[in-house]
PDB file of N, CA and C in Angstrom:
ATOM      1  N   MET A   1      43.968 -33.571 -19.513  1.00  0.00           N
ATOM      2  CA  MET A   1      43.935 -32.345 -19.944  1.00  0.00           C
ATOM      3  C   MET A   1      44.626 -32.265 -21.359  1.00  0.00           C
ATOM      4  N   THR A   2      43.705 -31.025 -21.895  1.00  0.00           N
ATOM      5  CA  THR A   2      44.390 -30.646 -23.751  1.00  0.00           C
ATOM      6  C   THR A   2      45.214 -29.446 -23.017  1.00  0.00           C
ATOM      7  N   THR A   3      46.036 -29.299 -23.984  1.00  0.00           N
ATOM      8  CA  THR A   3      47.014 -28.241 -24.376  1.00  0.00           C
ATOM      9  C   THR A   3      46.472 -26.351 -23.695  1.00  0.00           C
ATOM     10  N   SER A   4      44.771 -26.562 -23.921  1.00  0.00           N
ATOM     11  CA  SER A   4      44.811 -25.227 -23.942  1.00  0.00           C
ATOM     12  C   SER A   4      44.269 -25.319 -22.681  1.00  0.00           C
ATOM     13  N   SER A   5      43.765 -26.503 -22.067  1.00  0.00           N
ATOM     14  CA  SER A   5      43.137 -25.871 -20.584  1.00  0.00           C
ATOM     15  C   SER A   5      44.570 -26.093 -19.624  1.00  0.00           C
ATOM     16  N   ASP A   6      45.840 -26.825 -20.314  1.00  0.00           N
ATOM     17  CA  ASP A   6      46.863 -26.297 -19.437  1.00  0.00           C
ATOM     18  C   ASP A   6      47.143 -25.278 -19.394  1.00  0.00           C
ATOM     19  N   HIS A   7      46.916 -24.526 -20.075  1.00  0.00           N
ATOM     20  CA  HIS A   7      47.187 -22.780 -20.409  1.00  0.00           C
ATOM     21  C   HIS A   7      46.158 -22.120 -20.028  1.00  0.00           C
ATOM     22  N   VAL A   8      45.267 -22.442 -19.489  1.00  0.00           N
ATOM     23  CA  VAL A   8      44.051 -21.591 -18.628  1.00  0.00           C
ATOM     24  C   VAL A   8      44.216 -22.445 -17.366  1.00  0.00           C
ATOM     25  N   ALA A   9      44.248 -23.526 -16.658  1.00  0.00           N
ATOM     26  CA  ALA A   9      44.904 -23.480 -15.291  1.00  0.00           C
ATOM     27  C   ALA A   9      45.826 -22.737 -14.787  1.00  0.00           C
ATOM     28  N   LYS A  10      46.984 -22.371 -15.996  1.00  0.00           N
ATOM     29  CA  LYS A  10      48.830 -22.164 -15.332  1.00  0.00           C
ATOM     30  C   LYS A  10      47.873 -20.672 -15.292  1.00  0.00           C
ATOM     31  N   LEU A  11      47.610 -20.164 -16.351  1.00  0.00           N
ATOM     32  CA  LEU A  11      47.053 -18.819 -15.922  1.00  0.00           C
ATOM     33  C   LEU A  11      45.981 -18.144 -14.700  1.00  0.00           C
ATOM     34  N   ILE A  12      45.259 -18.746 -14.389  1.00  0.00           N
ATOM     35  CA  ILE A  12      44.650 -18.966 -13.535  1.00  0.00           C
ATOM     36  C   ILE A  12      45.194 -19.078 -11.719  1.00  0.00           C
ATOM     37  N   ALA A  13      46.130 -19.643 -11.944  1.00  0.00           N
ATOM     38  CA  ALA A  13      47.110 -20.219 -10.780  1.00  0.00           C
ATOM     39  C   ALA A  13      48.546 -19.181 -11.209  1.00  0.00           C
ATOM     40  N   SER A  14      48.269 -18.495 -11.900  1.00  0.00           N
ATOM     41  CA  SER A  14      49.326 -17.099 -12.108  1.00  0.00           C
ATOM     42  C   SER A  14      49.340 -16.385 -10.822  1.00  0.00           C
ATOM     43  N   PRO A  15      50.164 -16.095  -9.550  1.00  0.00           N
ATOM     44  CA  PRO A  15      50.103 -14.451  -8.902  1.00  0.00           C
ATOM     45  C   PRO A  15      49.888 -13.050 -10.130  1.00  0.00           C
ATOM     46  N   LYS A  16      50.531 -13.225 -10.983  1.00  0.00           N
ATOM     47  CA  LYS A  16      50.235 -11.914 -11.617  1.00  0.00           C
ATOM     48  C   LYS A  16      48.715 -11.892 -12.375  1.00  0.00           C
ATOM     49  N   TYR A  17      48.224 -13.052 -12.724  1.00  0.00           N
ATOM     50  CA  TYR A  17      47.335 -12.949 -12.979  1.00  0.00           C
ATOM     51  C   TYR A  17      46.524 -12.534 -11.945  1.00  0.00           C
ATOM     52  N   GLN A  18      46.487 -13.018 -10.785  1.00  0.00           N
ATOM     53  CA  GLN A  18      45.295 -12.427  -9.666  1.00  0.00           C
ATOM     54  C   GLN A  18      45.636 -11.190  -9.267  1.00  0.00           C
ATOM     55  N   GLU A  19      46.455 -11.032  -9.801  1.00  0.00           N
ATOM     56  CA  GLU A  19      47.152  -9.648  -9.237  1.00  0.00           C
ATOM     57  C   GLU A  19      46.307  -8.138 -10.294  1.00  0.00           C
ATOM     58  N   LEU A  20      46.504  -9.044 -11.574  1.00  0.00           N
ATOM     59  CA  LEU A  20      45.629  -8.343 -12.735  1.00  0.00           C
ATOM     60  C   LEU A  20      44.114  -7.857 -12.449  1.00  0.00           C
ATOM     61  N   VAL A  21      43.818  -9.005 -12.142  1.00  0.00           N
ATOM     62  CA  VAL A  21      42.421  -9.509 -11.644  1.00  0.00           C
ATOM     63  C   VAL A  21      42.158  -8.158 -11.131  1.00  0.00           C
ATOM     64  N   GLN A  22      42.838  -8.203  -9.829  1.00  0.00           N
ATOM     65  CA  GLN A  22      42.050  -7.586  -8.759  1.00  0.00           C
ATOM     66  C   GLN A  22      42.153  -5.725  -8.606  1.00  0.00           C
ATOM     67  N   LYS A  23      43.455  -5.419  -9.465  1.00  0.00           N
ATOM     68  CA  LYS A  23      43.440  -4.087  -9.702  1.00  0.00           C
ATOM     69  C   LYS A  23      42.757  -3.843 -10.926  1.00  0.00           C
ATOM     70  N   ARG A  24      42.250  -4.579 -11.676  1.00  0.00           N
ATOM     71  CA  ARG A  24      41.480  -4.127 -13.162  1.00  0.00           C
ATOM     72  C   ARG A  24      40.227  -4.034 -12.290  1.00  0.00           C
ATOM     73  N   ASN A  25      39.514  -4.775 -10.909  1.00  0.00           N
ATOM     74  CA  ASN A  25      38.335  -4.886 -10.773  1.00  0.00           C
ATOM     75  C   ASN A  25      38.334  -3.576  -9.835  1.00  0.00           C
ATOM     76  N   ARG A  26      39.301  -3.345  -8.831  1.00  0.00           N
ATOM     77  CA  ARG A  26      39.063  -1.847  -8.464  1.00  0.00           C
ATOM     78  C   ARG A  26      39.487  -0.801  -9.165  1.00  0.00           C
ATOM     79  N   ILE A  27      40.380  -0.656 -10.483  1.00  0.00           N
ATOM     80  CA  ILE A  27      39.643  -0.080 -11.314  1.00  0.00           C
ATOM     81  C   ILE A  27      38.416   0.389 -11.442  1.00  0.00           C
ATOM     82  N   ASN A  28      38.032  -0.551 -11.989  1.00  0.00           N
ATOM     83  CA  ASN A  28      36.574  -0.471 -12.299  1.00  0.00           C
ATOM     84  C   ASN A  28      35.581   0.107 -11.564  1.00  0.00           C
ATOM     85  N   ASN A  29      35.593  -0.687 -10.218  1.00  0.00           N
ATOM     86  CA  ASN A  29      34.476  -0.274  -9.736  1.00  0.00           C
ATOM     87  C   ASN A  29      35.103   0.837  -9.112  1.00  0.00           C
ATOM     88  N   THR A  30      36.066   1.967  -9.267  1.00  0.00           N
ATOM     89  CA  THR A  30      36.406   2.588  -8.700  1.00  0.00           C
ATOM     90  C   THR A  30      35.548   3.575  -9.849  1.00  0.00           C
ATOM     91  N   PHE A  31      35.199   3.328 -11.188  1.00  0.00           N
ATOM     92  CA  PHE A  31      35.199   4.276 -12.291  1.00  0.00           C
ATOM     93  C   PHE A  31      33.454   4.128 -11.852  1.00  0.00           C
ATOM     94  N   PHE A  32      33.050   3.115 -12.003  1.00  0.00           N
ATOM     95  CA  PHE A  32      31.484   2.845 -11.522  1.00  0.00           C
ATOM     96  C   PHE A  32      30.763   3.549 -10.693  1.00  0.00           C
ATOM     97  N   LEU A  33      31.541   3.878  -9.411  1.00  0.00           N
ATOM     98  CA  LEU A  33      31.542   4.288  -8.728  1.00  0.00           C
ATOM     99  C   LEU A  33      30.964   6.133  -8.062  1.00  0.00           C
ATOM    100  N   ILE A  34      32.603   6.365  -9.608  1.00  0.00           N
ATOM    101  CA  ILE A  34      32.568   7.760  -8.922  1.00  0.00           C
ATOM    102  C   ILE A  34      31.312   8.386 -10.422  1.00  0.00           C
ATOM    103  N   MET A  35      31.176   7.378 -11.348  1.00  0.00           N
ATOM    104  CA  MET A  35      29.940   7.815 -12.349  1.00  0.00           C
ATOM    105  C   MET A  35      28.540   7.468 -11.966  1.00  0.00           C
ATOM    106  N   LEU A  36      28.363   6.645 -10.774  1.00  0.00           N
ATOM    107  CA  LEU A  36      27.093   6.412 -10.260  1.00  0.00           C
ATOM    108  C   LEU A  36      26.415   7.644  -9.688  1.00  0.00           C
ATOM    109  N   LEU A  37      27.585   8.272  -8.664  1.00  0.00           N
ATOM    110  CA  LEU A  37      27.762   9.172  -7.907  1.00  0.00           C
ATOM    111  C   LEU A  37      26.473  10.288  -8.841  1.00  0.00           C
ATOM    112  N   VAL A  38      27.940  10.292  -9.741  1.00  0.00           N
ATOM    113  CA  VAL A  38      27.484  12.132 -11.053  1.00  0.00           C
ATOM    114  C   VAL A  38      26.556  11.843 -11.504  1.00  0.00           C
ATOM    115  N   TYR A  39      25.854  10.650 -11.977  1.00  0.00           N
ATOM    116  CA  TYR A  39      24.704  10.606 -12.607  1.00  0.00           C
ATOM    117  C   TYR A  39      23.628  10.875 -11.621  1.00  0.00           C
ATOM    118  N   ALA A  40      23.503  10.050 -10.127  1.00  0.00           N
ATOM    119  CA  ALA A  40      22.658   9.994  -9.516  1.00  0.00           C
ATOM    120  C   ALA A  40      22.204  11.520  -8.845  1.00  0.00           C
ATOM    121  N   GLY A  41      23.171  11.925  -8.280  1.00  0.00           N
ATOM    122  CA  GLY A  41      22.718  13.323  -8.297  1.00  0.00           C
ATOM    123  C   GLY A  41      22.373  14.202  -9.051  1.00  0.00           C
ATOM    124  N   PHE A  42      22.614  13.756 -10.794  1.00  0.00           N
ATOM    125  CA  PHE A  42      21.759  14.684 -10.864  1.00  0.00           C
ATOM    126  C   PHE A  42      20.702  14.899 -11.236  1.00  0.00           C
ATOM    127  N   ILE A  43      20.173  12.933 -11.274  1.00  0.00           N
ATOM    128  CA  ILE A  43      18.745  12.814 -11.418  1.00  0.00           C
ATOM    129  C   ILE A  43      18.374  13.017 -10.278  1.00  0.00           C
ATOM    130  N   PHE A  44      19.167  12.921  -8.664  1.00  0.00           N
ATOM    131  CA  PHE A  44      18.550  12.870  -7.411  1.00  0.00           C
ATOM    132  C   PHE A  44      17.833  14.954  -7.726  1.00  0.00           C
ATOM    133  N   LEU A  45      18.988  15.499  -7.977  1.00  0.00           N
ATOM    134  CA  LEU A  45      18.424  17.181  -8.255  1.00  0.00           C
ATOM    135  C   LEU A  45      16.914  17.676  -8.843  1.00  0.00           C
ATOM    136  N   VAL A  46      17.356  16.501 -10.087  1.00  0.00           N
ATOM    137  CA  VAL A  46      15.836  16.363 -10.503  1.00  0.00           C
ATOM    138  C   VAL A  46      14.437  16.023 -10.186  1.00  0.00           C
ATOM    139  N   ALA A  47      14.520  15.445  -9.092  1.00  0.00           N
ATOM    140  CA  ALA A  47      13.430  14.707  -8.814  1.00  0.00           C
ATOM    141  C   ALA A  47      13.315  15.748  -7.443  1.00  0.00           C
ATOM    142  N   PHE A  48      14.355  15.943  -6.971  1.00  0.00           N
ATOM    143  CA  PHE A  48      13.909  16.237  -5.790  1.00  0.00           C
ATOM    144  C   PHE A  48      14.261  18.298  -5.528  1.00  0.00           C
ATOM    145  N   ALA A  49      14.729  18.585  -6.669  1.00  0.00           N
ATOM    146  CA  ALA A  49      14.757  20.079  -6.374  1.00  0.00           C
ATOM    147  C   ALA A  49      14.828  20.988  -8.133  1.00  0.00           C
ATOM    148  N   PRO A  50      13.117  20.834  -8.766  1.00  0.00           N
ATOM    149  CA  PRO A  50      12.938  21.065  -9.730  1.00  0.00           C
ATOM    150  C   PRO A  50      12.854  22.032 -10.166  1.00  0.00           C
ATOM    151  N   GLY A  51      12.766  22.946  -9.464  1.00  0.00           N
ATOM    152  CA  GLY A  51      12.858  24.300  -8.866  1.00  0.00           C
ATOM    153  C   GLY A  51      13.658  24.996  -9.134  1.00  0.00           C
ATOM    154  N   LEU A  52      15.061  24.195  -8.572  1.00  0.00           N
ATOM    155  CA  LEU A  52      16.073  24.840  -8.813  1.00  0.00           C
ATOM    156  C   LEU A  52      17.098  24.765 -10.298  1.00  0.00           C
ATOM    157  N   MET A  53      16.604  23.097 -10.703  1.00  0.00           N
ATOM    158  CA  MET A  53      16.817  22.779 -12.057  1.00  0.00           C
ATOM    159  C   MET A  53      16.005  23.460 -13.127  1.00  0.00           C
ATOM    160  N   GLU A  54      14.651  24.213 -12.773  1.00  0.00           N
ATOM    161  CA  GLU A  54      14.576  25.078 -14.148  1.00  0.00           C
ATOM    162  C   GLU A  54      15.026  26.550 -14.032  1.00  0.00           C
ATOM    163  N   GLN A  55      15.601  27.127 -13.017  1.00  0.00           N
ATOM    164  CA  GLN A  55      15.919  28.639 -12.644  1.00  0.00           C
ATOM    165  C   GLN A  55      17.235  29.241 -14.034  1.00  0.00           C
ATOM    166  N   PRO A  56      16.925  29.759 -14.440  1.00  0.00           N
ATOM    167  CA  PRO A  56      17.666  30.646 -15.866  1.00  0.00           C
ATOM    168  C   PRO A  56      19.362  30.769 -15.131  1.00  0.00           C
ATOM    169  N   ILE A  57      20.858  30.870 -15.686  1.00  0.00           N
ATOM    170  CA  ILE A  57      21.798  30.843 -15.249  1.00  0.00           C
ATOM    171  C   ILE A  57      22.126  32.405 -15.931  1.00  0.00           C
ATOM    172  N   GLY A  58      22.110  33.070 -14.827  1.00  0.00           N
ATOM    173  CA  GLY A  58      22.248  34.634 -14.708  1.00  0.00           C
ATOM    174  C   GLY A  58      21.037  35.001 -15.691  1.00  0.00           C
ATOM    175  N   ASN A  59      21.405  35.816 -16.592  1.00  0.00           N
ATOM    176  CA  ASN A  59      20.675  36.456 -17.381  1.00  0.00           C
ATOM    177  C   ASN A  59      20.256  35.588 -19.060  1.00  0.00           C
ATOM    178  N   MET A  60      20.756  34.617 -18.954  1.00  0.00           N
ATOM    179  CA  MET A  60      20.530  33.479 -20.116  1.00  0.00           C
ATOM    180  C   MET A  60      19.717  32.758 -19.696  1.00  0.00           C
ATOM    181  N   THR A  61      19.190  32.403 -21.042  1.00  0.00           N
ATOM    182  CA  THR A  61      17.575  31.522 -21.173  1.00  0.00           C
ATOM    183  C   THR A  61      17.972  30.404 -20.884  1.00  0.00           C
ATOM    184  N   MET A  62      19.291  29.712 -20.700  1.00  0.00           N
ATOM    185  CA  MET A  62      20.230  28.612 -20.426  1.00  0.00           C
ATOM    186  C   MET A  62      19.492  27.836 -19.127  1.00  0.00           C
ATOM    187  N   SER A  63      19.122  26.825 -18.682  1.00  0.00           N
ATOM    188  CA  SER A  63      18.772  27.107 -17.140  1.00  0.00           C
ATOM    189  C   SER A  63      19.514  25.619 -16.926  1.00  0.00           C
ATOM    190  N   ILE A  64      19.226  26.148 -15.344  1.00  0.00           N
ATOM    191  CA  ILE A  64      20.669  25.283 -14.185  1.00  0.00           C
ATOM    192  C   ILE A  64      20.962  23.405 -14.610  1.00  0.00           C
ATOM    193  N   GLY A  65      19.280  23.020 -15.026  1.00  0.00           N
ATOM    194  CA  GLY A  65      19.642  21.386 -15.030  1.00  0.00           C
ATOM    195  C   GLY A  65      20.046  21.846 -16.411  1.00  0.00           C
ATOM    196  N   VAL A  66      19.960  21.991 -17.051  1.00  0.00           N
ATOM    197  CA  VAL A  66      20.452  22.017 -19.230  1.00  0.00           C
ATOM    198  C   VAL A  66      21.857  21.892 -19.006  1.00  0.00           C
ATOM    199  N   ALA A  67      22.174  22.974 -18.190  1.00  0.00           N
ATOM    200  CA  ALA A  67      23.732  23.277 -17.820  1.00  0.00           C
ATOM    201  C   ALA A  67      24.629  22.303 -16.980  1.00  0.00           C
ATOM    202  N   LEU A  68      23.741  21.511 -15.975  1.00  0.00           N
ATOM    203  CA  LEU A  68      24.115  20.004 -15.327  1.00  0.00           C
ATOM    204  C   LEU A  68      23.886  18.535 -16.475  1.00  0.00           C
ATOM    205  N   GLY A  69      22.794  18.702 -16.818  1.00  0.00           N
ATOM    206  CA  GLY A  69      23.197  17.485 -18.069  1.00  0.00           C
ATOM    207  C   GLY A  69      24.058  17.343 -18.745  1.00  0.00           C
ATOM    208  N   THR A  70      24.586  19.177 -19.186  1.00  0.00           N
ATOM    209  CA  THR A  70      25.741  19.130 -20.076  1.00  0.00           C
ATOM    210  C   THR A  70      27.215  18.454 -19.426  1.00  0.00           C
ATOM    211  N   LEU A  71      26.324  18.988 -18.189  1.00  0.00           N
ATOM    212  CA  LEU A  71      28.325  18.320 -17.889  1.00  0.00           C
ATOM    213  C   LEU A  71      28.551  16.897 -17.027  1.00  0.00           C
ATOM    214  N   VAL A  72      26.804  16.298 -16.963  1.00  0.00           N
ATOM    215  CA  VAL A  72      27.108  15.120 -16.837  1.00  0.00           C
ATOM    216  C   VAL A  72      27.679  14.238 -17.832  1.00  0.00           C
ATOM    217  N   LEU A  73      27.271  14.722 -19.049  1.00  0.00           N
ATOM    218  CA  LEU A  73      27.855  14.308 -20.021  1.00  0.00           C
ATOM    219  C   LEU A  73      29.293  13.907 -20.456  1.00  0.00           C
ATOM    220  N   ILE A  74      29.907  15.513 -19.853  1.00  0.00           N
ATOM    221  CA  ILE A  74      30.781  15.671 -21.140  1.00  0.00           C
ATOM    222  C   ILE A  74      31.975  15.127 -19.294  1.00  0.00           C
ATOM    223  N   SER A  75      31.601  15.181 -18.304  1.00  0.00           N
ATOM    224  CA  SER A  75      32.310  14.503 -17.180  1.00  0.00           C
ATOM    225  C   SER A  75      32.119  12.694 -17.519  1.00  0.00           C
ATOM    226  N   ALA A  76      31.182  12.213 -18.391  1.00  0.00           N
ATOM    227  CA  ALA A  76      31.633  10.562 -19.140  1.00  0.00           C
ATOM    228  C   ALA A  76      31.952  11.007 -19.918  1.00  0.00           C
ATOM    229  N   SER A  77      32.326  11.668 -20.512  1.00  0.00           N
ATOM    230  CA  SER A  77      33.806  11.519 -21.476  1.00  0.00           C
ATOM    231  C   SER A  77      34.970  11.708 -21.256  1.00  0.00           C
ATOM    232  N   ILE A  78      34.984  13.069 -20.441  1.00  0.00           N
ATOM    233  CA  ILE A  78      36.644  12.328 -19.987  1.00  0.00           C
ATOM    234  C   ILE A  78      36.600  11.708 -18.864  1.00  0.00           C
ATOM    235  N   MET A  79      35.680  10.492 -17.654  1.00  0.00           N
ATOM    236  CA  MET A  79      35.543   9.297 -17.545  1.00  0.00           C
ATOM    237  C   MET A  79      36.142   8.275 -18.255  1.00  0.00           C
ATOM    238  N   ILE A  80      36.193   8.729 -19.465  1.00  0.00           N
ATOM    239  CA  ILE A  80      36.476   7.651 -20.750  1.00  0.00           C
ATOM    240  C   ILE A  80      38.209   7.986 -20.673  1.00  0.00           C
ATOM    241  N   ILE A  81      38.271   9.139 -21.334  1.00  0.00           N
ATOM    242  CA  ILE A  81      39.791   9.166 -21.286  1.00  0.00           C
ATOM    243  C   ILE A  81      40.453   8.647 -20.218  1.00  0.00           C
ATOM    244  N   VAL A  82      39.807   9.454 -19.180  1.00  0.00           N
ATOM    245  CA  VAL A  82      41.472   8.575 -17.648  1.00  0.00           C
ATOM    246  C   VAL A  82      40.839   7.561 -17.647  1.00  0.00           C
ATOM    247  N   TYR A  83      40.303   6.738 -17.836  1.00  0.00           N
ATOM    248  CA  TYR A  83      39.496   5.068 -17.623  1.00  0.00           C
ATOM    249  C   TYR A  83      40.747   4.782 -18.783  1.00  0.00           C
ATOM    250  N   THR A  84      40.882   4.916 -19.860  1.00  0.00           N
ATOM    251  CA  THR A  84      41.508   4.813 -21.233  1.00  0.00           C
ATOM    252  C   THR A  84      43.064   4.574 -20.592  1.00  0.00           C
ATOM    253  N   ILE A  85      43.331   5.642 -19.770  1.00  0.00           N
ATOM    254  CA  ILE A  85      45.189   6.016 -19.835  1.00  0.00           C
ATOM    255  C   ILE A  85      45.072   5.473 -18.571  1.00  0.00           C
ATOM    256  N   VAL A  86      44.614   5.126 -16.995  1.00  0.00           N
ATOM    257  CA  VAL A  86      44.631   4.739 -16.830  1.00  0.00           C
ATOM    258  C   VAL A  86      45.296   3.398 -16.667  1.00  0.00           C
ATOM    259  N   CYS A  87      44.604   2.611 -17.208  1.00  0.00           N
ATOM    260  CA  CYS A  87      44.714   0.981 -17.617  1.00  0.00           C
ATOM    261  C   CYS A  87      45.764   0.701 -19.049  1.00  0.00           C
ATOM    262  N   ASN A  88      45.797   1.247 -19.601  1.00  0.00           N
ATOM    263  CA  ASN A  88      47.190   1.149 -20.352  1.00  0.00           C
ATOM    264  C   ASN A  88      47.413   1.458 -19.490  1.00  0.00           C
ATOM    265  N   LYS A  89      47.950   2.226 -18.667  1.00  0.00           N
ATOM    266  CA  LYS A  89      49.154   2.140 -17.877  1.00  0.00           C
ATOM    267  C   LYS A  89      49.273   1.567 -16.947  1.00  0.00           C
ATOM    268  N   THR A  90      48.775   0.943 -16.219  1.00  0.00           N
ATOM    269  CA  THR A  90      48.656  -0.297 -15.021  1.00  0.00           C
ATOM    270  C   THR A  90      47.912  -1.488 -16.190  1.00  0.00           C
ATOM    271  N   ILE A  91      46.770  -1.705 -16.694  1.00  0.00           N
ATOM    272  CA  ILE A  91      46.678  -2.904 -17.505  1.00  0.00           C
ATOM    273  C   ILE A  91      47.488  -3.209 -18.647  1.00  0.00           C
ATOM    274  N   ASP A  92      47.507  -2.388 -19.208  1.00  0.00           N
ATOM    275  CA  ASP A  92      47.964  -3.414 -20.129  1.00  0.00           C
ATOM    276  C   ASP A  92      49.397  -3.855 -20.034  1.00  0.00           C
ATOM    277  N   PRO A  93      50.401  -3.298 -19.116  1.00  0.00           N
ATOM    278  CA  PRO A  93      51.627  -3.609 -18.937  1.00  0.00           C
ATOM    279  C   PRO A  93      51.666  -5.236 -17.749  1.00  0.00           C
ATOM    280  N   LEU A  94      50.721  -4.888 -16.618  1.00  0.00           N
ATOM    281  CA  LEU A  94      50.206  -6.556 -16.282  1.00  0.00           C
ATOM    282  C   LEU A  94      49.779  -8.028 -17.078  1.00  0.00           C
ATOM    283  N   LEU A  95      49.124  -6.905 -17.964  1.00  0.00           N
ATOM    284  CA  LEU A  95      48.382  -8.179 -19.152  1.00  0.00           C
ATOM    285  C   LEU A  95      49.499  -8.726 -19.795  1.00  0.00           C
ATOM    286  N   ALA A  96      50.495  -7.773 -20.208  1.00  0.00           N
ATOM    287  CA  ALA A  96      51.429  -8.443 -21.287  1.00  0.00           C
ATOM    288  C   ALA A  96      52.400  -8.993 -20.498  1.00  0.00           C
ATOM    289  N   GLU A  97      52.794  -9.318 -19.141  1.00  0.00           N
ATOM    290  CA  GLU A  97      53.690  -9.959 -18.154  1.00  0.00           C
ATOM    291  C   GLU A  97      53.320 -11.542 -18.120  1.00  0.00           C
ATOM    292  N   VAL A  98      51.665 -10.741 -17.756  1.00  0.00           N
ATOM    293  CA  VAL A  98      50.568 -12.280 -17.523  1.00  0.00           C
ATOM    294  C   VAL A  98      51.040 -13.612 -18.780  1.00  0.00           C
ATOM    295  N   LEU A  99      50.754 -12.779 -19.920  1.00  0.00           N
ATOM    296  CA  LEU A  99      50.723 -13.640 -21.167  1.00  0.00           C
ATOM    297  C   LEU A  99      52.403 -14.064 -21.323  1.00  0.00           C
ATOM    298  N   LYS A 100      53.318 -13.055 -21.200  1.00  0.00           N
ATOM    299  CA  LYS A 100      54.825 -13.856 -21.151  1.00  0.00           C
ATOM    300  C   LYS A 100      54.769 -15.299 -20.395  1.00  0.00           C
ATOM    301  N   GLU A 101      54.409 -14.826 -18.896  1.00  0.00           N
ATOM    302  CA  GLU A 101      54.265 -15.733 -18.582  1.00  0.00           C
ATOM    303  C   GLU A 101      54.301 -16.920 -18.625  1.00  0.00           C
ATOM    304  N   VAL A 102      52.661 -16.987 -19.486  1.00  0.00           N
ATOM    305  CA  VAL A 102      51.924 -18.192 -19.720  1.00  0.00           C
ATOM    306  C   VAL A 102      52.282 -18.972 -20.816  1.00  0.00           C
ATOM    307  N   GLN A 103      53.016 -17.955 -21.162  1.00  0.00           N
ATOM    308  CA  GLN A 103      53.562 -18.374 -23.000  1.00  0.00           C
ATOM    309  C   GLN A 103      54.814 -19.876 -22.901  1.00  0.00           C
TER     310      GLN A 103
END
């Protein structure tokens, strides 16, 4: 085995690395499912409730569909910010421990 292969084998065998992979997958899947529900909900409304989506909001000229579409975009931006914060607090420290352990 080469030194690089030794490092990879040691990394994969590390319990901290396994924990890192599990946490990262759990976080990624959670955020994916939340965003999927938001987007799929919007598309569902567009497809099956077009009358609702075209109604204006109060006396304004903006429709409910445009407002909800804007909220989908805003929610995506918020999800990016929250994802970054969560990863910085949970994944990055664990990654630093794994790298320290392997070296």
